[in-house]
Amino acid sequence: MRGLAHWEELRSGDSGELILAVDTPPRGPAPSDFRELIPLLDTRHTVWRATESDRTHPRGTCLDEYIAPWTDEVRAAGLRVRAVLGYGVGGIFAGAIADGVGRDQGRTPEVLLFDPELVDSGTVVDEFRRLVSTVSHSLTGRALERLERESAALLADAGADDDAGALAIGLHGVLSQAIGDEPERVGSVAGMAGQALGLATARLSSLAIADAVNVVPLWSAGTALCSSSPDSGLNRTRSVLLLPDAALVGREILFEDRHAEVLRSTTVARMASELLGSSDA
């Protein structure tokens, strides 16, 4: 479908139904996304992937307000949503989008999660450092010095059990203030550099919003396809929460694949296709 503003079509099907895929916000230096998995699926359904938001939201933003651009576009298309896929932290928003779509169409789509995880302070710290490495060349002098000094103070105090949302908001504020120190410099930055600055602040605000979400009702009927990596997915979340037996999803299916391989695995794709019922559709 042409003219999509908040989704990109990865696959065109003939079933008249949609599968939505949400892998934003990404995590890691070279994160996987659903563009790797979707070609491996056996499905007759059209697949849309959510594009990353470049809007910055204050903490406390209503979840429905945050996901509205995605759900509104789905509603306008008039297509029935069969399932919503989520990857990593994106699984939080996938669950919320499925809930919102379900209210519109009278039936909640199936929720299928790939190595889903909650936001923790480590996630925020790692992402902030990657963002700074991306945007630091766009800042000079006083702005860069202030960014390094104030972020170092926040990062030094960050612990595994800290409020990840508050940390994201704090780091977002530091980055925004540093940018504001040199408006002439930032205003002269064109193209990709300027976009990177906007995306950095938007991504931190997304992490803060995701941290505030209660995933239990959103994931309770979902199925998680989990890797063997101890530092990713539900393994990571349970370790951070110190709750090794926490029931966070309705059903878990474990794979030997590592986190980086989950969306590239033919074994995982085969199971996902079976769960989606694509072969019988």
Foldseek 3Di string as FASTA:
>chain_A
DPDQDFKDWLDAADPLEEEEEFEPPDFDPDGDGLNQQPVLAQFRHTYIYTDDDLDFDDQPPDLCVVCVSVLVVVVVVVTHYQEYEYEELRLLNSLVSQVVSCVVPVHRHAYEYELYAADWQVRLVRLLVSLCVLQVVLADDPLNVQLVVQLVVLVVPDDRQDQNLVSLNSNLVSLVVSCVVCVVSLVPDDDPNVSSSSNSSRRSSVNNRSNPDDCQVSAAAHEYEYEPDCCTGPNVRCVSVVNNPDDRHNYYDYDPHHSRCQSNDSVNSVVVNVVSVRVVD
